[in-house]
Amino acid sequence: MVNLFDGGPKSAIEVAFGKGGFAPMKKVERKDPFVVELYARNEATKKPWVKPANASHLWELPLPRNLPAGTHRVTVRATDEYGRTAVDSMVLEVLG
């Protein structure tokens, strides 16, 4: 899942695992799991009417089923509505 700050309907996100090619991610409208967890963790300190809402700037792609156990570089490429591109990477560890 990618949360693209200020991502809109013309934004596009792609992801690559290791040395594989980029695959497009699917834009979804749902509650951000990070926000849901944050609200749940602070349930006692927030007003009862404050609830997580659907976000319009989330993209998803299932992990490849054939991703073997070990560490993998995950690279995300985001292109905004003006054609500007940002690229970032992280390391993902798949446990056996």
PDB file of N, CA and C in Angstrom:
ATOM      1  N   MET A   1       0.844  -1.171   0.000  1.00  0.00           N
ATOM      2  CA  MET A   1       0.000   0.000   0.000  1.00  0.00           C
ATOM      3  C   MET A   1       0.890   1.236   0.000  1.00  0.00           C
ATOM      4  N   VAL A   2       0.486   2.220  -0.784  1.00  0.00           N
ATOM      5  CA  VAL A   2       1.173   3.510  -0.838  1.00  0.00           C
ATOM      6  C   VAL A   2       0.159   4.597  -0.533  1.00  0.00           C
ATOM      7  N   ASN A   3       0.542   5.513   0.356  1.00  0.00           N
ATOM      8  CA  ASN A   3      -0.255   6.690   0.664  1.00  0.00           C
ATOM      9  C   ASN A   3       0.479   7.862   0.025  1.00  0.00           C
ATOM     10  N   LEU A   4      -0.040   8.361  -1.075  1.00  0.00           N
ATOM     11  CA  LEU A   4       0.603   9.454  -1.815  1.00  0.00           C
ATOM     12  C   LEU A   4       0.010  10.778  -1.366  1.00  0.00           C
ATOM     13  N   PHE A   5       0.786  11.567  -0.630  1.00  0.00           N
ATOM     14  CA  PHE A   5       0.309  12.848  -0.135  1.00  0.00           C
ATOM     15  C   PHE A   5      -0.191  13.704  -1.295  1.00  0.00           C
ATOM     16  N   ASP A   6      -1.409  14.170  -1.178  1.00  0.00           N
ATOM     17  CA  ASP A   6      -2.058  15.021  -2.178  1.00  0.00           C
ATOM     18  C   ASP A   6      -2.210  14.314  -3.530  1.00  0.00           C
ATOM     19  N   GLY A   7      -2.203  12.980  -3.533  1.00  0.00           N
ATOM     20  CA  GLY A   7      -2.415  12.235  -4.776  1.00  0.00           C
ATOM     21  C   GLY A   7      -3.836  12.407  -5.262  1.00  0.00           C
ATOM     22  N   GLY A   8      -4.006  12.560  -6.536  1.00  0.00           N
ATOM     23  CA  GLY A   8      -5.325  12.780  -7.105  1.00  0.00           C
ATOM     24  C   GLY A   8      -5.661  11.790  -8.189  1.00  0.00           C
ATOM     25  N   PRO A   9      -6.769  12.023  -8.888  1.00  0.00           N
ATOM     26  CA  PRO A   9      -7.235  11.066  -9.902  1.00  0.00           C
ATOM     27  C   PRO A   9      -6.276  10.903 -11.080  1.00  0.00           C
ATOM     28  N   LYS A  10      -5.410  11.873 -11.320  1.00  0.00           N
ATOM     29  CA  LYS A  10      -4.464  11.764 -12.438  1.00  0.00           C
ATOM     30  C   LYS A  10      -3.084  11.277 -11.994  1.00  0.00           C
ATOM     31  N   SER A  11      -2.917  10.995 -10.704  1.00  0.00           N
ATOM     32  CA  SER A  11      -1.645  10.470 -10.203  1.00  0.00           C
ATOM     33  C   SER A  11      -1.539   8.994 -10.568  1.00  0.00           C
ATOM     34  N   ALA A  12      -0.316   8.524 -10.750  1.00  0.00           N
ATOM     35  CA  ALA A  12      -0.074   7.109 -11.062  1.00  0.00           C
ATOM     36  C   ALA A  12       1.064   6.604 -10.187  1.00  0.00           C
ATOM     37  N   ILE A  13       0.925   5.385  -9.692  1.00  0.00           N
ATOM     38  CA  ILE A  13       1.943   4.782  -8.841  1.00  0.00           C
ATOM     39  C   ILE A  13       2.314   3.426  -9.420  1.00  0.00           C
ATOM     40  N   GLU A  14       3.614   3.159  -9.434  1.00  0.00           N
ATOM     41  CA  GLU A  14       4.127   1.866  -9.888  1.00  0.00           C
ATOM     42  C   GLU A  14       5.084   1.339  -8.823  1.00  0.00           C
ATOM     43  N   VAL A  15       5.233   0.023  -8.764  1.00  0.00           N
ATOM     44  CA  VAL A  15       6.128  -0.588  -7.787  1.00  0.00           C
ATOM     45  C   VAL A  15       6.939  -1.685  -8.471  1.00  0.00           C
ATOM     46  N   ALA A  16       8.187  -1.833  -8.022  1.00  0.00           N
ATOM     47  CA  ALA A  16       9.059  -2.896  -8.519  1.00  0.00           C
ATOM     48  C   ALA A  16       9.663  -3.620  -7.319  1.00  0.00           C
ATOM     49  N   PHE A  17       9.756  -4.934  -7.434  1.00  0.00           N
ATOM     50  CA  PHE A  17      10.357  -5.757  -6.392  1.00  0.00           C
ATOM     51  C   PHE A  17      11.697  -6.261  -6.896  1.00  0.00           C
ATOM     52  N   GLY A  18      12.762  -5.940  -6.175  1.00  0.00           N
ATOM     53  CA  GLY A  18      14.099  -6.350  -6.584  1.00  0.00           C
ATOM     54  C   GLY A  18      14.452  -5.765  -7.940  1.00  0.00           C
ATOM     55  N   LYS A  19      14.951  -6.607  -8.832  1.00  0.00           N
ATOM     56  CA  LYS A  19      15.353  -6.141 -10.173  1.00  0.00           C
ATOM     57  C   LYS A  19      14.234  -6.312 -11.196  1.00  0.00           C
ATOM     58  N   GLY A  20      13.033  -6.644 -10.716  1.00  0.00           N
ATOM     59  CA  GLY A  20      11.897  -6.818 -11.615  1.00  0.00           C
ATOM     60  C   GLY A  20      11.416  -5.483 -12.165  1.00  0.00           C
ATOM     61  N   GLY A  21      10.567  -5.552 -13.148  1.00  0.00           N
ATOM     62  CA  GLY A  21      10.021  -4.349 -13.761  1.00  0.00           C
ATOM     63  C   GLY A  21       8.925  -3.722 -12.919  1.00  0.00           C
ATOM     64  N   PHE A  22       8.583  -2.500 -13.274  1.00  0.00           N
ATOM     65  CA  PHE A  22       7.534  -1.784 -12.555  1.00  0.00           C
ATOM     66  C   PHE A  22       6.154  -2.296 -12.971  1.00  0.00           C
ATOM     67  N   ALA A  23       5.262  -2.383 -11.977  1.00  0.00           N
ATOM     68  CA  ALA A  23       3.871  -2.778 -12.214  1.00  0.00           C
ATOM     69  C   ALA A  23       2.979  -1.673 -11.650  1.00  0.00           C
ATOM     70  N   PRO A  24       1.892  -1.339 -12.351  1.00  0.00           N
ATOM     71  CA  PRO A  24       1.009  -0.284 -11.850  1.00  0.00           C
ATOM     72  C   PRO A  24       0.245  -0.738 -10.605  1.00  0.00           C
ATOM     73  N   MET A  25       0.085   0.186  -9.678  1.00  0.00           N
ATOM     74  CA  MET A  25      -0.711  -0.070  -8.486  1.00  0.00           C
ATOM     75  C   MET A  25      -2.134   0.420  -8.749  1.00  0.00           C
ATOM     76  N   LYS A  26      -3.100  -0.138  -8.023  1.00  0.00           N
ATOM     77  CA  LYS A  26      -4.508   0.214  -8.197  1.00  0.00           C
ATOM     78  C   LYS A  26      -4.916   1.245  -7.141  1.00  0.00           C
ATOM     79  N   LYS A  27      -5.526   2.333  -7.601  1.00  0.00           N
ATOM     80  CA  LYS A  27      -6.038   3.365  -6.689  1.00  0.00           C
ATOM     81  C   LYS A  27      -7.270   2.810  -5.995  1.00  0.00           C
ATOM     82  N   VAL A  28      -7.313   2.973  -4.658  1.00  0.00           N
ATOM     83  CA  VAL A  28      -8.439   2.492  -3.864  1.00  0.00           C
ATOM     84  C   VAL A  28      -8.933   3.603  -2.947  1.00  0.00           C
ATOM     85  N   GLU A  29     -10.182   3.525  -2.568  1.00  0.00           N
ATOM     86  CA  GLU A  29     -10.734   4.467  -1.596  1.00  0.00           C
ATOM     87  C   GLU A  29     -11.191   3.661  -0.395  1.00  0.00           C
ATOM     88  N   ARG A  30     -10.439   3.784   0.689  1.00  0.00           N
ATOM     89  CA  ARG A  30     -10.723   3.059   1.928  1.00  0.00           C
ATOM     90  C   ARG A  30     -10.014   3.741   3.088  1.00  0.00           C
ATOM     91  N   LYS A  31     -10.251   3.246   4.279  1.00  0.00           N
ATOM     92  CA  LYS A  31      -9.591   3.809   5.449  1.00  0.00           C
ATOM     93  C   LYS A  31      -8.103   3.444   5.417  1.00  0.00           C
ATOM     94  N   ASP A  32      -7.264   4.392   5.739  1.00  0.00           N
ATOM     95  CA  ASP A  32      -5.830   4.159   5.807  1.00  0.00           C
ATOM     96  C   ASP A  32      -5.551   3.281   7.033  1.00  0.00           C
ATOM     97  N   PRO A  33      -4.960   2.095   6.853  1.00  0.00           N
ATOM     98  CA  PRO A  33      -4.714   1.202   7.994  1.00  0.00           C
ATOM     99  C   PRO A  33      -3.869   1.854   9.088  1.00  0.00           C
ATOM    100  N   PHE A  34      -2.934   2.718   8.727  1.00  0.00           N
ATOM    101  CA  PHE A  34      -2.115   3.411   9.730  1.00  0.00           C
ATOM    102  C   PHE A  34      -2.998   4.308  10.596  1.00  0.00           C
ATOM    103  N   VAL A  35      -3.911   5.050   9.969  1.00  0.00           N
ATOM    104  CA  VAL A  35      -4.799   5.946  10.710  1.00  0.00           C
ATOM    105  C   VAL A  35      -5.755   5.141  11.590  1.00  0.00           C
ATOM    106  N   VAL A  36      -6.281   4.035  11.081  1.00  0.00           N
ATOM    107  CA  VAL A  36      -7.167   3.174  11.866  1.00  0.00           C
ATOM    108  C   VAL A  36      -6.433   2.698  13.122  1.00  0.00           C
ATOM    109  N   GLU A  37      -5.204   2.234  12.972  1.00  0.00           N
ATOM    110  CA  GLU A  37      -4.423   1.746  14.108  1.00  0.00           C
ATOM    111  C   GLU A  37      -4.113   2.890  15.072  1.00  0.00           C
ATOM    112  N   LEU A  38      -3.778   4.057  14.557  1.00  0.00           N
ATOM    113  CA  LEU A  38      -3.468   5.223  15.389  1.00  0.00           C
ATOM    114  C   LEU A  38      -4.678   5.623  16.227  1.00  0.00           C
ATOM    115  N   TYR A  39      -5.854   5.670  15.598  1.00  0.00           N
ATOM    116  CA  TYR A  39      -7.076   6.015  16.331  1.00  0.00           C
ATOM    117  C   TYR A  39      -7.383   4.960  17.392  1.00  0.00           C
ATOM    118  N   ALA A  40      -7.215   3.693  17.069  1.00  0.00           N
ATOM    119  CA  ALA A  40      -7.498   2.617  18.017  1.00  0.00           C
ATOM    120  C   ALA A  40      -6.548   2.692  19.213  1.00  0.00           C
ATOM    121  N   ARG A  41      -5.303   3.028  18.956  1.00  0.00           N
ATOM    122  CA  ARG A  41      -4.300   3.115  20.019  1.00  0.00           C
ATOM    123  C   ARG A  41      -4.602   4.262  20.978  1.00  0.00           C
ATOM    124  N   ASN A  42      -5.291   5.297  20.492  1.00  0.00           N
ATOM    125  CA  ASN A  42      -5.569   6.479  21.302  1.00  0.00           C
ATOM    126  C   ASN A  42      -7.065   6.639  21.588  1.00  0.00           C
ATOM    127  N   GLU A  43      -7.785   5.541  21.604  1.00  0.00           N
ATOM    128  CA  GLU A  43      -9.239   5.546  21.785  1.00  0.00           C
ATOM    129  C   GLU A  43      -9.665   6.331  23.029  1.00  0.00           C
ATOM    130  N   ALA A  44      -8.950   6.186  24.120  1.00  0.00           N
ATOM    131  CA  ALA A  44      -9.355   6.811  25.382  1.00  0.00           C
ATOM    132  C   ALA A  44      -9.152   8.327  25.402  1.00  0.00           C
ATOM    133  N   THR A  45      -8.367   8.853  24.487  1.00  0.00           N
ATOM    134  CA  THR A  45      -8.049  10.288  24.538  1.00  0.00           C
ATOM    135  C   THR A  45      -8.710  11.105  23.439  1.00  0.00           C
ATOM    136  N   LYS A  46      -9.517  10.488  22.592  1.00  0.00           N
ATOM    137  CA  LYS A  46     -10.145  11.244  21.509  1.00  0.00           C
ATOM    138  C   LYS A  46     -11.651  11.347  21.716  1.00  0.00           C
ATOM    139  N   LYS A  47     -12.241  12.304  21.062  1.00  0.00           N
ATOM    140  CA  LYS A  47     -13.684  12.497  21.140  1.00  0.00           C
ATOM    141  C   LYS A  47     -14.380  11.320  20.448  1.00  0.00           C
ATOM    142  N   PRO A  48     -15.551  10.894  20.929  1.00  0.00           N
ATOM    143  CA  PRO A  48     -16.204   9.708  20.363  1.00  0.00           C
ATOM    144  C   PRO A  48     -16.653   9.872  18.913  1.00  0.00           C
ATOM    145  N   TRP A  49     -16.842  11.092  18.451  1.00  0.00           N
ATOM    146  CA  TRP A  49     -17.277  11.299  17.068  1.00  0.00           C
ATOM    147  C   TRP A  49     -16.102  11.359  16.085  1.00  0.00           C
ATOM    148  N   VAL A  50     -14.883  11.336  16.593  1.00  0.00           N
ATOM    149  CA  VAL A  50     -13.709  11.360  15.720  1.00  0.00           C
ATOM    150  C   VAL A  50     -13.437   9.933  15.256  1.00  0.00           C
ATOM    151  N   LYS A  51     -13.603   9.705  13.971  1.00  0.00           N
ATOM    152  CA  LYS A  51     -13.430   8.360  13.397  1.00  0.00           C
ATOM    153  C   LYS A  51     -12.596   8.465  12.118  1.00  0.00           C
ATOM    154  N   PRO A  52     -11.847   7.425  11.789  1.00  0.00           N
ATOM    155  CA  PRO A  52     -11.125   7.439  10.518  1.00  0.00           C
ATOM    156  C   PRO A  52     -12.109   7.450   9.351  1.00  0.00           C
ATOM    157  N   ALA A  53     -11.793   8.228   8.340  1.00  0.00           N
ATOM    158  CA  ALA A  53     -12.643   8.316   7.146  1.00  0.00           C
ATOM    159  C   ALA A  53     -11.901   7.689   5.968  1.00  0.00           C
ATOM    160  N   ASN A  54     -12.634   7.394   4.906  1.00  0.00           N
ATOM    161  CA  ASN A  54     -12.004   6.881   3.700  1.00  0.00           C
ATOM    162  C   ASN A  54     -11.041   7.918   3.151  1.00  0.00           C
ATOM    163  N   ALA A  55      -9.903   7.441   2.678  1.00  0.00           N
ATOM    164  CA  ALA A  55      -8.887   8.302   2.070  1.00  0.00           C
ATOM    165  C   ALA A  55      -8.938   8.111   0.563  1.00  0.00           C
ATOM    166  N   SER A  56      -8.697   9.180  -0.167  1.00  0.00           N
ATOM    167  CA  SER A  56      -8.742   9.115  -1.635  1.00  0.00           C
ATOM    168  C   SER A  56      -7.348   9.117  -2.249  1.00  0.00           C
ATOM    169  N   HIS A  57      -6.332   8.869  -1.443  1.00  0.00           N
ATOM    170  CA  HIS A  57      -4.955   8.945  -1.947  1.00  0.00           C
ATOM    171  C   HIS A  57      -4.159   7.693  -1.577  1.00  0.00           C
ATOM    172  N   LEU A  58      -4.820   6.527  -1.711  1.00  0.00           N
ATOM    173  CA  LEU A  58      -4.181   5.242  -1.429  1.00  0.00           C
ATOM    174  C   LEU A  58      -4.131   4.389  -2.692  1.00  0.00           C
ATOM    175  N   TRP A  59      -3.035   3.660  -2.853  1.00  0.00           N
ATOM    176  CA  TRP A  59      -2.873   2.720  -3.962  1.00  0.00           C
ATOM    177  C   TRP A  59      -2.428   1.394  -3.370  1.00  0.00           C
ATOM    178  N   GLU A  60      -2.856   0.291  -3.988  1.00  0.00           N
ATOM    179  CA  GLU A  60      -2.516  -1.047  -3.499  1.00  0.00           C
ATOM    180  C   GLU A  60      -2.038  -1.943  -4.638  1.00  0.00           C
ATOM    181  N   LEU A  61      -1.251  -2.912  -4.242  1.00  0.00           N
ATOM    182  CA  LEU A  61      -0.845  -3.995  -5.138  1.00  0.00           C
ATOM    183  C   LEU A  61      -0.481  -5.177  -4.249  1.00  0.00           C
ATOM    184  N   PRO A  62      -1.054  -6.353  -4.482  1.00  0.00           N
ATOM    185  CA  PRO A  62      -0.684  -7.504  -3.653  1.00  0.00           C
ATOM    186  C   PRO A  62       0.786  -7.855  -3.854  1.00  0.00           C
ATOM    187  N   LEU A  63       1.400  -8.368  -2.805  1.00  0.00           N
ATOM    188  CA  LEU A  63       2.768  -8.862  -2.946  1.00  0.00           C
ATOM    189  C   LEU A  63       2.761 -10.028  -3.922  1.00  0.00           C
ATOM    190  N   PRO A  64       3.798 -10.151  -4.741  1.00  0.00           N
ATOM    191  CA  PRO A  64       3.867 -11.304  -5.645  1.00  0.00           C
ATOM    192  C   PRO A  64       3.883 -12.605  -4.845  1.00  0.00           C
ATOM    193  N   ARG A  65       3.128 -13.573  -5.296  1.00  0.00           N
ATOM    194  CA  ARG A  65       3.053 -14.862  -4.592  1.00  0.00           C
ATOM    195  C   ARG A  65       4.377 -15.623  -4.636  1.00  0.00           C
ATOM    196  N   ASN A  66       5.183 -15.353  -5.631  1.00  0.00           N
ATOM    197  CA  ASN A  66       6.440 -16.089  -5.789  1.00  0.00           C
ATOM    198  C   ASN A  66       7.629 -15.368  -5.147  1.00  0.00           C
ATOM    199  N   LEU A  67       7.379 -14.388  -4.291  1.00  0.00           N
ATOM    200  CA  LEU A  67       8.464 -13.665  -3.625  1.00  0.00           C
ATOM    201  C   LEU A  67       9.063 -14.584  -2.563  1.00  0.00           C
ATOM    202  N   PRO A  68      10.313 -15.003  -2.735  1.00  0.00           N
ATOM    203  CA  PRO A  68      10.893 -15.959  -1.782  1.00  0.00           C
ATOM    204  C   PRO A  68      11.234 -15.298  -0.449  1.00  0.00           C
ATOM    205  N   ALA A  69      11.428 -16.135   0.570  1.00  0.00           N
ATOM    206  CA  ALA A  69      11.846 -15.634   1.879  1.00  0.00           C
ATOM    207  C   ALA A  69      13.179 -14.910   1.726  1.00  0.00           C
ATOM    208  N   GLY A  70      13.354 -13.860   2.507  1.00  0.00           N
ATOM    209  CA  GLY A  70      14.588 -13.072   2.459  1.00  0.00           C
ATOM    210  C   GLY A  70      14.269 -11.590   2.334  1.00  0.00           C
ATOM    211  N   THR A  71      15.288 -10.793   2.075  1.00  0.00           N
ATOM    212  CA  THR A  71      15.101  -9.351   1.947  1.00  0.00           C
ATOM    213  C   THR A  71      14.997  -8.965   0.475  1.00  0.00           C
ATOM    214  N   HIS A  72      14.160  -7.983   0.219  1.00  0.00           N
ATOM    215  CA  HIS A  72      13.906  -7.527  -1.142  1.00  0.00           C
ATOM    216  C   HIS A  72      13.819  -6.007  -1.159  1.00  0.00           C
ATOM    217  N   ARG A  73      14.407  -5.401  -2.159  1.00  0.00           N
ATOM    218  CA  ARG A  73      14.275  -3.954  -2.341  1.00  0.00           C
ATOM    219  C   ARG A  73      12.939  -3.697  -3.041  1.00  0.00           C
ATOM    220  N   VAL A  74      12.140  -2.789  -2.472  1.00  0.00           N
ATOM    221  CA  VAL A  74      10.866  -2.395  -3.057  1.00  0.00           C
ATOM    222  C   VAL A  74      11.014  -0.941  -3.487  1.00  0.00           C
ATOM    223  N   THR A  75      10.812  -0.687  -4.770  1.00  0.00           N
ATOM    224  CA  THR A  75      10.938   0.668  -5.308  1.00  0.00           C
ATOM    225  C   THR A  75       9.581   1.153  -5.778  1.00  0.00           C
ATOM    226  N   VAL A  76       9.213   2.336  -5.334  1.00  0.00           N
ATOM    227  CA  VAL A  76       7.932   2.936  -5.707  1.00  0.00           C
ATOM    228  C   VAL A  76       8.215   4.172  -6.546  1.00  0.00           C
ATOM    229  N   ARG A  77       7.480   4.272  -7.648  1.00  0.00           N
ATOM    230  CA  ARG A  77       7.608   5.434  -8.542  1.00  0.00           C
ATOM    231  C   ARG A  77       6.228   6.077  -8.657  1.00  0.00           C
ATOM    232  N   ALA A  78       6.147   7.340  -8.258  1.00  0.00           N
ATOM    233  CA  ALA A  78       4.877   8.071  -8.303  1.00  0.00           C
ATOM    234  C   ALA A  78       4.989   9.223  -9.289  1.00  0.00           C
ATOM    235  N   THR A  79       3.966   9.377 -10.121  1.00  0.00           N
ATOM    236  CA  THR A  79       3.909  10.468 -11.094  1.00  0.00           C
ATOM    237  C   THR A  79       2.641  11.259 -10.822  1.00  0.00           C
ATOM    238  N   ASP A  80       2.802  12.581 -10.620  1.00  0.00           N
ATOM    239  CA  ASP A  80       1.631  13.404 -10.326  1.00  0.00           C
ATOM    240  C   ASP A  80       0.966  13.895 -11.602  1.00  0.00           C
ATOM    241  N   GLU A  81      -0.093  14.670 -11.439  1.00  0.00           N
ATOM    242  CA  GLU A  81      -0.891  15.121 -12.585  1.00  0.00           C
ATOM    243  C   GLU A  81      -0.136  16.055 -13.515  1.00  0.00           C
ATOM    244  N   TYR A  82       1.015  16.583 -13.085  1.00  0.00           N
ATOM    245  CA  TYR A  82       1.818  17.477 -13.923  1.00  0.00           C
ATOM    246  C   TYR A  82       2.995  16.754 -14.571  1.00  0.00           C
ATOM    247  N   GLY A  83       3.060  15.424 -14.370  1.00  0.00           N
ATOM    248  CA  GLY A  83       4.131  14.632 -14.970  1.00  0.00           C
ATOM    249  C   GLY A  83       5.400  14.583 -14.138  1.00  0.00           C
ATOM    250  N   ARG A  84       5.369  15.163 -12.932  1.00  0.00           N
ATOM    251  CA  ARG A  84       6.549  15.109 -12.059  1.00  0.00           C
ATOM    252  C   ARG A  84       6.621  13.737 -11.407  1.00  0.00           C
ATOM    253  N   THR A  85       7.828  13.172 -11.378  1.00  0.00           N
ATOM    254  CA  THR A  85       8.020  11.827 -10.859  1.00  0.00           C
ATOM    255  C   THR A  85       8.897  11.847  -9.615  1.00  0.00           C
ATOM    256  N   ALA A  86       8.513  11.044  -8.641  1.00  0.00           N
ATOM    257  CA  ALA A  86       9.311  10.845  -7.428  1.00  0.00           C
ATOM    258  C   ALA A  86       9.524   9.347  -7.268  1.00  0.00           C
ATOM    259  N   VAL A  87      10.726   8.975  -6.854  1.00  0.00           N
ATOM    260  CA  VAL A  87      11.072   7.555  -6.676  1.00  0.00           C
ATOM    261  C   VAL A  87      11.665   7.382  -5.286  1.00  0.00           C
ATOM    262  N   ASP A  88      11.258   6.312  -4.620  1.00  0.00           N
ATOM    263  CA  ASP A  88      11.836   5.994  -3.314  1.00  0.00           C
ATOM    264  C   ASP A  88      11.844   4.479  -3.154  1.00  0.00           C
ATOM    265  N   SER A  89      12.695   4.006  -2.254  1.00  0.00           N
ATOM    266  CA  SER A  89      12.832   2.563  -2.030  1.00  0.00           C
ATOM    267  C   SER A  89      12.863   2.266  -0.546  1.00  0.00           C
ATOM    268  N   MET A  90      12.579   1.008  -0.248  1.00  0.00           N
ATOM    269  CA  MET A  90      12.707   0.490   1.116  1.00  0.00           C
ATOM    270  C   MET A  90      13.053  -0.987   1.019  1.00  0.00           C
ATOM    271  N   VAL A  91      13.407  -1.570   2.124  1.00  0.00           N
ATOM    272  CA  VAL A  91      13.706  -2.999   2.154  1.00  0.00           C
ATOM    273  C   VAL A  91      12.563  -3.712   2.854  1.00  0.00           C
ATOM    274  N   LEU A  92      12.104  -4.794   2.233  1.00  0.00           N
ATOM    275  CA  LEU A  92      11.032  -5.622   2.762  1.00  0.00           C
ATOM    276  C   LEU A  92      11.616  -6.985   3.080  1.00  0.00           C
ATOM    277  N   GLU A  93      11.303  -7.499   4.259  1.00  0.00           N
ATOM    278  CA  GLU A  93      11.762  -8.839   4.612  1.00  0.00           C
ATOM    279  C   GLU A  93      10.577  -9.786   4.592  1.00  0.00           C
ATOM    280  N   VAL A  94      10.690 -10.843   3.803  1.00  0.00           N
ATOM    281  CA  VAL A  94       9.672 -11.882   3.732  1.00  0.00           C
ATOM    282  C   VAL A  94      10.170 -13.035   4.590  1.00  0.00           C
ATOM    283  N   LEU A  95       9.347 -13.413   5.567  1.00  0.00           N
ATOM    284  CA  LEU A  95       9.714 -14.526   6.436  1.00  0.00           C
ATOM    285  C   LEU A  95       9.165 -15.818   5.869  1.00  0.00           C
ATOM    286  N   GLY A  96       9.902 -16.891   6.029  1.00  0.00           N
ATOM    287  CA  GLY A  96       9.508 -18.192   5.492  1.00  0.00           C
ATOM    288  C   GLY A  96       8.204 -18.623   6.019  1.00  0.00           C
TER     289      GLY A  96
END
